[in-house]
Amino acid sequence: LLDEKKLQHSENLYLDFESAEGASKLIKLKHFQKFGDTTEALGAATASVEGKISKPLKKLLKKLVVKESQEQLLVADAKLGNAIKEKMNLSCVNNSNVMELMRCIRSQIDGLVGELPQR
C-alpha cells in the first residue's frame, strides 16, 4: 500500500479502484509466485483455512519482510494473521478497512497481476 492514510478512510477506497490504473497508483505488487503444482496449492490453502502458515509462505515472509522495519502486514484472514504474529513475530492487521482493501484489490486483480510473464 503506497499511501497508508487511504486505509484509514476505506469508505471511499473503491473510488481509487475504479480502474487498474487508479489501483496501481495506490498499491504496488511486491512479489508474485505461482504454486509449483496442485498439491502445493492445496497444501497452502488447507494450512490457511486451518490458521497455519504453510512452509512456502513462511519462507517467502522471511525473505520479503525485514524484521527491523516498522511495516505492518495486512492479512485478510484473522487466524492466519494471528499465526504469523505468533510464529514469526510480525505485526499483522486484520480489520474492516483491510477487508475493504482486499475486496477492492480483487475487483482489479486481472489488471494488477495480468501483466506478469507466463512460465
N, C-alpha and C. Protein backbone atom coordinates (compact mmCIF):
# COMPACT_ATOMS: atom_id res chain seq x y z
N LEU A 1 0.86 -1.16 0.00
CA LEU A 1 0.00 0.00 0.00
C LEU A 1 0.90 1.22 0.00
N LEU A 2 0.77 2.05 -1.01
CA LEU A 2 1.67 3.19 -1.16
C LEU A 2 1.28 4.39 -0.30
N ASP A 3 0.01 4.50 0.06
CA ASP A 3 -0.46 5.60 0.90
C ASP A 3 -1.26 5.03 2.06
N GLU A 4 -0.62 4.92 3.22
CA GLU A 4 -1.25 4.32 4.39
C GLU A 4 -2.50 5.07 4.84
N LYS A 5 -2.55 6.35 4.58
CA LYS A 5 -3.70 7.16 5.00
C LYS A 5 -4.98 6.73 4.30
N LYS A 6 -4.84 6.19 3.09
CA LYS A 6 -6.01 5.73 2.34
C LYS A 6 -6.75 4.63 3.09
N LEU A 7 -6.02 3.82 3.82
CA LEU A 7 -6.63 2.70 4.55
C LEU A 7 -7.50 3.21 5.69
N GLN A 8 -7.18 4.36 6.24
CA GLN A 8 -7.96 4.92 7.34
C GLN A 8 -9.32 5.43 6.87
N HIS A 9 -9.44 5.72 5.59
CA HIS A 9 -10.70 6.23 5.03
C HIS A 9 -11.21 5.25 3.97
N SER A 10 -11.46 4.03 4.40
CA SER A 10 -11.79 2.98 3.44
C SER A 10 -13.19 3.11 2.84
N GLU A 11 -14.04 3.98 3.40
CA GLU A 11 -15.39 4.12 2.84
C GLU A 11 -15.37 4.66 1.42
N ASN A 12 -14.32 5.36 1.03
CA ASN A 12 -14.19 5.88 -0.33
C ASN A 12 -13.09 5.17 -1.13
N LEU A 13 -12.56 4.11 -0.60
CA LEU A 13 -11.45 3.41 -1.23
C LEU A 13 -11.81 2.88 -2.61
N TYR A 14 -13.05 2.45 -2.77
CA TYR A 14 -13.47 1.89 -4.05
C TYR A 14 -13.29 2.88 -5.21
N LEU A 15 -13.33 4.17 -4.91
CA LEU A 15 -13.16 5.18 -5.96
C LEU A 15 -11.78 5.10 -6.60
N ASP A 16 -10.76 4.76 -5.80
CA ASP A 16 -9.40 4.61 -6.32
C ASP A 16 -9.23 3.33 -7.14
N PHE A 17 -10.18 2.40 -7.01
CA PHE A 17 -10.09 1.11 -7.69
C PHE A 17 -11.08 0.99 -8.83
N GLU A 18 -11.55 2.10 -9.35
CA GLU A 18 -12.47 2.05 -10.47
C GLU A 18 -11.78 1.57 -11.74
N SER A 19 -10.46 1.71 -11.78
CA SER A 19 -9.69 1.22 -12.92
C SER A 19 -8.39 0.61 -12.40
N ALA A 20 -7.77 -0.23 -13.23
CA ALA A 20 -6.48 -0.82 -12.85
C ALA A 20 -5.41 0.26 -12.72
N GLU A 21 -5.50 1.30 -13.55
CA GLU A 21 -4.53 2.40 -13.47
C GLU A 21 -4.64 3.13 -12.14
N GLY A 22 -5.87 3.39 -11.70
CA GLY A 22 -6.09 4.03 -10.41
C GLY A 22 -5.59 3.17 -9.27
N ALA A 23 -5.86 1.88 -9.36
CA ALA A 23 -5.42 0.95 -8.32
C ALA A 23 -3.90 0.89 -8.25
N SER A 24 -3.25 0.92 -9.41
CA SER A 24 -1.78 0.82 -9.43
C SER A 24 -1.11 2.06 -8.85
N LYS A 25 -1.85 3.15 -8.73
CA LYS A 25 -1.30 4.34 -8.07
C LYS A 25 -1.35 4.21 -6.56
N LEU A 26 -2.17 3.28 -6.07
CA LEU A 26 -2.35 3.12 -4.64
C LEU A 26 -1.62 1.90 -4.07
N ILE A 27 -1.50 0.86 -4.88
CA ILE A 27 -0.83 -0.35 -4.40
C ILE A 27 0.26 -0.77 -5.38
N LYS A 28 1.24 -1.48 -4.87
CA LYS A 28 2.31 -1.97 -5.71
C LYS A 28 2.55 -3.44 -5.37
N LEU A 29 2.57 -4.26 -6.38
CA LEU A 29 2.83 -5.67 -6.19
C LEU A 29 4.29 -5.86 -5.82
N LYS A 30 4.54 -6.44 -4.66
CA LYS A 30 5.90 -6.62 -4.20
C LYS A 30 6.47 -7.96 -4.69
N HIS A 31 5.62 -8.95 -4.78
CA HIS A 31 6.09 -10.28 -5.19
C HIS A 31 4.89 -11.10 -5.65
N PHE A 32 5.10 -11.91 -6.65
CA PHE A 32 4.08 -12.85 -7.11
C PHE A 32 4.77 -14.16 -7.41
N GLN A 33 4.24 -15.23 -6.87
CA GLN A 33 4.84 -16.54 -7.09
C GLN A 33 3.74 -17.57 -7.33
N LYS A 34 3.84 -18.24 -8.45
CA LYS A 34 2.88 -19.29 -8.75
C LYS A 34 3.21 -20.53 -7.94
N PHE A 35 2.19 -21.31 -7.63
CA PHE A 35 2.41 -22.59 -6.97
C PHE A 35 3.05 -23.54 -7.97
N GLY A 36 3.91 -24.41 -7.48
CA GLY A 36 4.60 -25.36 -8.33
C GLY A 36 3.66 -26.37 -8.97
N ASP A 37 2.66 -26.79 -8.20
CA ASP A 37 1.68 -27.76 -8.70
C ASP A 37 0.43 -27.70 -7.83
N THR A 38 -0.55 -28.53 -8.16
CA THR A 38 -1.82 -28.54 -7.45
C THR A 38 -1.66 -28.98 -6.00
N THR A 39 -0.76 -29.92 -5.75
CA THR A 39 -0.54 -30.40 -4.40
C THR A 39 -0.03 -29.27 -3.49
N GLU A 40 0.90 -28.49 -3.99
CA GLU A 40 1.44 -27.37 -3.22
C GLU A 40 0.34 -26.33 -2.95
N ALA A 41 -0.48 -26.05 -3.95
CA ALA A 41 -1.57 -25.08 -3.80
C ALA A 41 -2.59 -25.57 -2.78
N LEU A 42 -2.93 -26.84 -2.85
CA LEU A 42 -3.89 -27.42 -1.92
C LEU A 42 -3.35 -27.40 -0.49
N GLY A 43 -2.07 -27.71 -0.32
CA GLY A 43 -1.44 -27.67 0.99
C GLY A 43 -1.45 -26.27 1.59
N ALA A 44 -1.17 -25.27 0.77
CA ALA A 44 -1.17 -23.88 1.22
C ALA A 44 -2.58 -23.43 1.59
N ALA A 45 -3.55 -23.81 0.78
CA ALA A 45 -4.95 -23.44 1.06
C ALA A 45 -5.44 -24.10 2.34
N THR A 46 -5.10 -25.36 2.52
CA THR A 46 -5.50 -26.09 3.73
C THR A 46 -4.88 -25.46 4.96
N ALA A 47 -3.60 -25.15 4.90
CA ALA A 47 -2.92 -24.52 6.03
C ALA A 47 -3.58 -23.18 6.36
N SER A 48 -3.89 -22.41 5.35
CA SER A 48 -4.51 -21.10 5.56
C SER A 48 -5.88 -21.23 6.22
N VAL A 49 -6.70 -22.16 5.74
CA VAL A 49 -8.02 -22.39 6.32
C VAL A 49 -7.91 -22.81 7.79
N GLU A 50 -6.87 -23.57 8.09
CA GLU A 50 -6.66 -24.03 9.47
C GLU A 50 -5.95 -23.00 10.33
N GLY A 51 -5.65 -21.82 9.75
CA GLY A 51 -4.97 -20.78 10.51
C GLY A 51 -3.52 -21.10 10.77
N LYS A 52 -2.90 -21.81 9.85
CA LYS A 52 -1.48 -22.18 9.96
C LYS A 52 -0.70 -21.55 8.83
N ILE A 53 0.60 -21.46 9.02
CA ILE A 53 1.48 -20.91 7.99
C ILE A 53 2.09 -22.06 7.20
N SER A 54 1.88 -22.08 5.90
CA SER A 54 2.50 -23.12 5.07
C SER A 54 3.99 -22.84 4.96
N LYS A 55 4.76 -23.86 4.67
CA LYS A 55 6.21 -23.70 4.55
C LYS A 55 6.59 -22.68 3.46
N PRO A 56 5.97 -22.75 2.27
CA PRO A 56 6.32 -21.75 1.25
C PRO A 56 6.00 -20.32 1.70
N LEU A 57 4.89 -20.12 2.41
CA LEU A 57 4.54 -18.78 2.88
C LEU A 57 5.54 -18.31 3.93
N LYS A 58 5.91 -19.18 4.83
CA LYS A 58 6.88 -18.82 5.87
C LYS A 58 8.22 -18.43 5.24
N LYS A 59 8.65 -19.20 4.28
CA LYS A 59 9.91 -18.91 3.58
C LYS A 59 9.83 -17.56 2.86
N LEU A 60 8.71 -17.29 2.21
CA LEU A 60 8.52 -16.04 1.49
C LEU A 60 8.51 -14.85 2.45
N LEU A 61 7.81 -14.98 3.56
CA LEU A 61 7.77 -13.89 4.54
C LEU A 61 9.15 -13.60 5.11
N LYS A 62 9.91 -14.65 5.38
CA LYS A 62 11.28 -14.44 5.88
C LYS A 62 12.12 -13.69 4.86
N LYS A 63 11.90 -13.98 3.59
CA LYS A 63 12.67 -13.36 2.52
C LYS A 63 12.27 -11.90 2.29
N LEU A 64 10.98 -11.60 2.33
CA LEU A 64 10.49 -10.29 1.94
C LEU A 64 10.32 -9.27 3.07
N VAL A 65 10.07 -9.74 4.28
CA VAL A 65 9.78 -8.82 5.38
C VAL A 65 11.03 -8.63 6.23
N VAL A 66 11.43 -7.39 6.36
CA VAL A 66 12.60 -7.06 7.18
C VAL A 66 12.14 -6.88 8.62
N LYS A 67 12.73 -7.65 9.52
CA LYS A 67 12.32 -7.63 10.93
C LYS A 67 12.39 -6.23 11.55
N GLU A 68 13.39 -5.46 11.18
CA GLU A 68 13.59 -4.16 11.81
C GLU A 68 12.65 -3.09 11.28
N SER A 69 11.91 -3.40 10.23
CA SER A 69 11.03 -2.39 9.64
C SER A 69 9.82 -2.15 10.54
N GLN A 70 9.22 -1.02 10.35
CA GLN A 70 8.03 -0.66 11.12
C GLN A 70 6.76 -0.96 10.33
N GLU A 71 6.89 -1.70 9.25
CA GLU A 71 5.74 -2.00 8.42
C GLU A 71 4.82 -3.00 9.10
N GLN A 72 3.55 -2.93 8.74
CA GLN A 72 2.59 -3.89 9.22
C GLN A 72 2.12 -4.71 8.03
N LEU A 73 1.87 -5.97 8.27
CA LEU A 73 1.41 -6.88 7.23
C LEU A 73 -0.11 -6.90 7.29
N LEU A 74 -0.76 -6.53 6.19
CA LEU A 74 -2.21 -6.57 6.12
C LEU A 74 -2.62 -7.98 5.72
N VAL A 75 -3.46 -8.62 6.52
CA VAL A 75 -3.83 -10.01 6.31
C VAL A 75 -5.34 -10.13 6.26
N ALA A 76 -5.86 -10.77 5.23
CA ALA A 76 -7.31 -10.91 5.07
C ALA A 76 -7.90 -11.90 6.07
N ASP A 77 -7.16 -12.89 6.49
CA ASP A 77 -7.66 -13.92 7.40
C ASP A 77 -7.09 -13.71 8.80
N ALA A 78 -7.97 -13.48 9.76
CA ALA A 78 -7.53 -13.17 11.13
C ALA A 78 -6.76 -14.33 11.76
N LYS A 79 -7.20 -15.57 11.53
CA LYS A 79 -6.49 -16.73 12.09
C LYS A 79 -5.07 -16.82 11.55
N LEU A 80 -4.93 -16.62 10.26
CA LEU A 80 -3.61 -16.67 9.64
C LEU A 80 -2.75 -15.52 10.17
N GLY A 81 -3.34 -14.35 10.32
CA GLY A 81 -2.62 -13.21 10.88
C GLY A 81 -2.10 -13.49 12.28
N ASN A 82 -2.93 -14.13 13.10
CA ASN A 82 -2.51 -14.50 14.46
C ASN A 82 -1.37 -15.51 14.44
N ALA A 83 -1.45 -16.47 13.53
CA ALA A 83 -0.39 -17.47 13.41
C ALA A 83 0.93 -16.81 12.98
N ILE A 84 0.86 -15.90 12.04
CA ILE A 84 2.06 -15.18 11.58
C ILE A 84 2.65 -14.37 12.72
N LYS A 85 1.80 -13.71 13.46
CA LYS A 85 2.26 -12.89 14.59
C LYS A 85 2.94 -13.76 15.65
N GLU A 86 2.32 -14.90 15.98
CA GLU A 86 2.87 -15.80 17.00
C GLU A 86 4.17 -16.46 16.56
N LYS A 87 4.17 -17.03 15.37
CA LYS A 87 5.31 -17.82 14.90
C LYS A 87 6.47 -16.98 14.40
N MET A 88 6.15 -15.82 13.81
CA MET A 88 7.21 -15.04 13.16
C MET A 88 7.42 -13.67 13.78
N ASN A 89 6.60 -13.35 14.78
CA ASN A 89 6.71 -12.08 15.48
C ASN A 89 6.61 -10.88 14.53
N LEU A 90 5.68 -10.98 13.59
CA LEU A 90 5.42 -9.89 12.65
C LEU A 90 4.09 -9.24 12.99
N SER A 91 4.03 -7.94 12.94
CA SER A 91 2.81 -7.22 13.24
C SER A 91 1.83 -7.37 12.08
N CYS A 92 0.65 -7.91 12.36
CA CYS A 92 -0.36 -8.13 11.34
C CYS A 92 -1.62 -7.33 11.67
N VAL A 93 -2.29 -6.84 10.64
CA VAL A 93 -3.51 -6.08 10.80
C VAL A 93 -4.62 -6.77 10.03
N ASN A 94 -5.75 -6.98 10.70
CA ASN A 94 -6.95 -7.51 10.07
C ASN A 94 -8.13 -6.77 10.66
N ASN A 95 -8.76 -5.94 9.86
CA ASN A 95 -9.95 -5.22 10.32
C ASN A 95 -10.84 -4.92 9.12
N SER A 96 -11.90 -4.19 9.33
CA SER A 96 -12.84 -3.92 8.24
C SER A 96 -12.18 -3.11 7.11
N ASN A 97 -11.24 -2.24 7.45
CA ASN A 97 -10.54 -1.48 6.41
C ASN A 97 -9.69 -2.38 5.54
N VAL A 98 -9.02 -3.35 6.15
CA VAL A 98 -8.22 -4.31 5.38
C VAL A 98 -9.13 -5.14 4.49
N MET A 99 -10.27 -5.55 5.01
CA MET A 99 -11.20 -6.35 4.21
C MET A 99 -11.71 -5.55 3.00
N GLU A 100 -11.96 -4.26 3.19
CA GLU A 100 -12.39 -3.42 2.07
C GLU A 100 -11.28 -3.29 1.04
N LEU A 101 -10.05 -3.13 1.50
CA LEU A 101 -8.91 -3.07 0.58
C LEU A 101 -8.79 -4.37 -0.21
N MET A 102 -8.93 -5.50 0.45
CA MET A 102 -8.85 -6.80 -0.25
C MET A 102 -9.96 -6.93 -1.30
N ARG A 103 -11.16 -6.46 -0.95
CA ARG A 103 -12.27 -6.50 -1.91
C ARG A 103 -11.94 -5.64 -3.13
N CYS A 104 -11.39 -4.47 -2.88
CA CYS A 104 -11.02 -3.57 -3.98
C CYS A 104 -9.92 -4.18 -4.85
N ILE A 105 -8.94 -4.80 -4.23
CA ILE A 105 -7.86 -5.45 -4.99
C ILE A 105 -8.42 -6.56 -5.86
N ARG A 106 -9.32 -7.37 -5.29
CA ARG A 106 -9.92 -8.46 -6.08
C ARG A 106 -10.69 -7.92 -7.28
N SER A 107 -11.28 -6.73 -7.14
CA SER A 107 -12.06 -6.16 -8.25
C SER A 107 -11.17 -5.79 -9.43
N GLN A 108 -9.88 -5.57 -9.20
CA GLN A 108 -8.95 -5.17 -10.27
C GLN A 108 -7.79 -6.15 -10.43
N ILE A 109 -7.94 -7.36 -9.92
CA ILE A 109 -6.82 -8.31 -9.88
C ILE A 109 -6.28 -8.62 -11.27
N ASP A 110 -7.14 -8.75 -12.26
CA ASP A 110 -6.65 -9.07 -13.61
C ASP A 110 -5.74 -7.98 -14.15
N GLY A 111 -6.12 -6.73 -13.95
CA GLY A 111 -5.31 -5.62 -14.44
C GLY A 111 -4.03 -5.44 -13.64
N LEU A 112 -4.06 -5.79 -12.36
CA LEU A 112 -2.89 -5.61 -11.50
C LEU A 112 -1.87 -6.72 -11.65
N VAL A 113 -2.34 -7.94 -11.90
CA VAL A 113 -1.44 -9.09 -11.98
C VAL A 113 -1.33 -9.61 -13.41
N GLY A 114 -2.20 -9.21 -14.29
CA GLY A 114 -2.27 -9.75 -15.63
C GLY A 114 -1.03 -9.55 -16.49
N GLU A 115 -0.18 -8.60 -16.16
CA GLU A 115 0.97 -8.32 -16.99
C GLU A 115 2.18 -9.17 -16.65
N LEU A 116 2.02 -10.13 -15.78
CA LEU A 116 3.16 -10.98 -15.40
C LEU A 116 3.49 -11.94 -16.54
N PRO A 117 4.77 -12.23 -16.71
CA PRO A 117 5.17 -13.17 -17.77
C PRO A 117 4.67 -14.58 -17.48
N GLN A 118 4.33 -15.28 -18.51
CA GLN A 118 3.86 -16.66 -18.37
C GLN A 118 5.07 -17.58 -18.27
N ARG A 119 4.96 -18.61 -17.45
CA ARG A 119 6.04 -19.59 -17.33
C ARG A 119 5.74 -20.80 -18.14
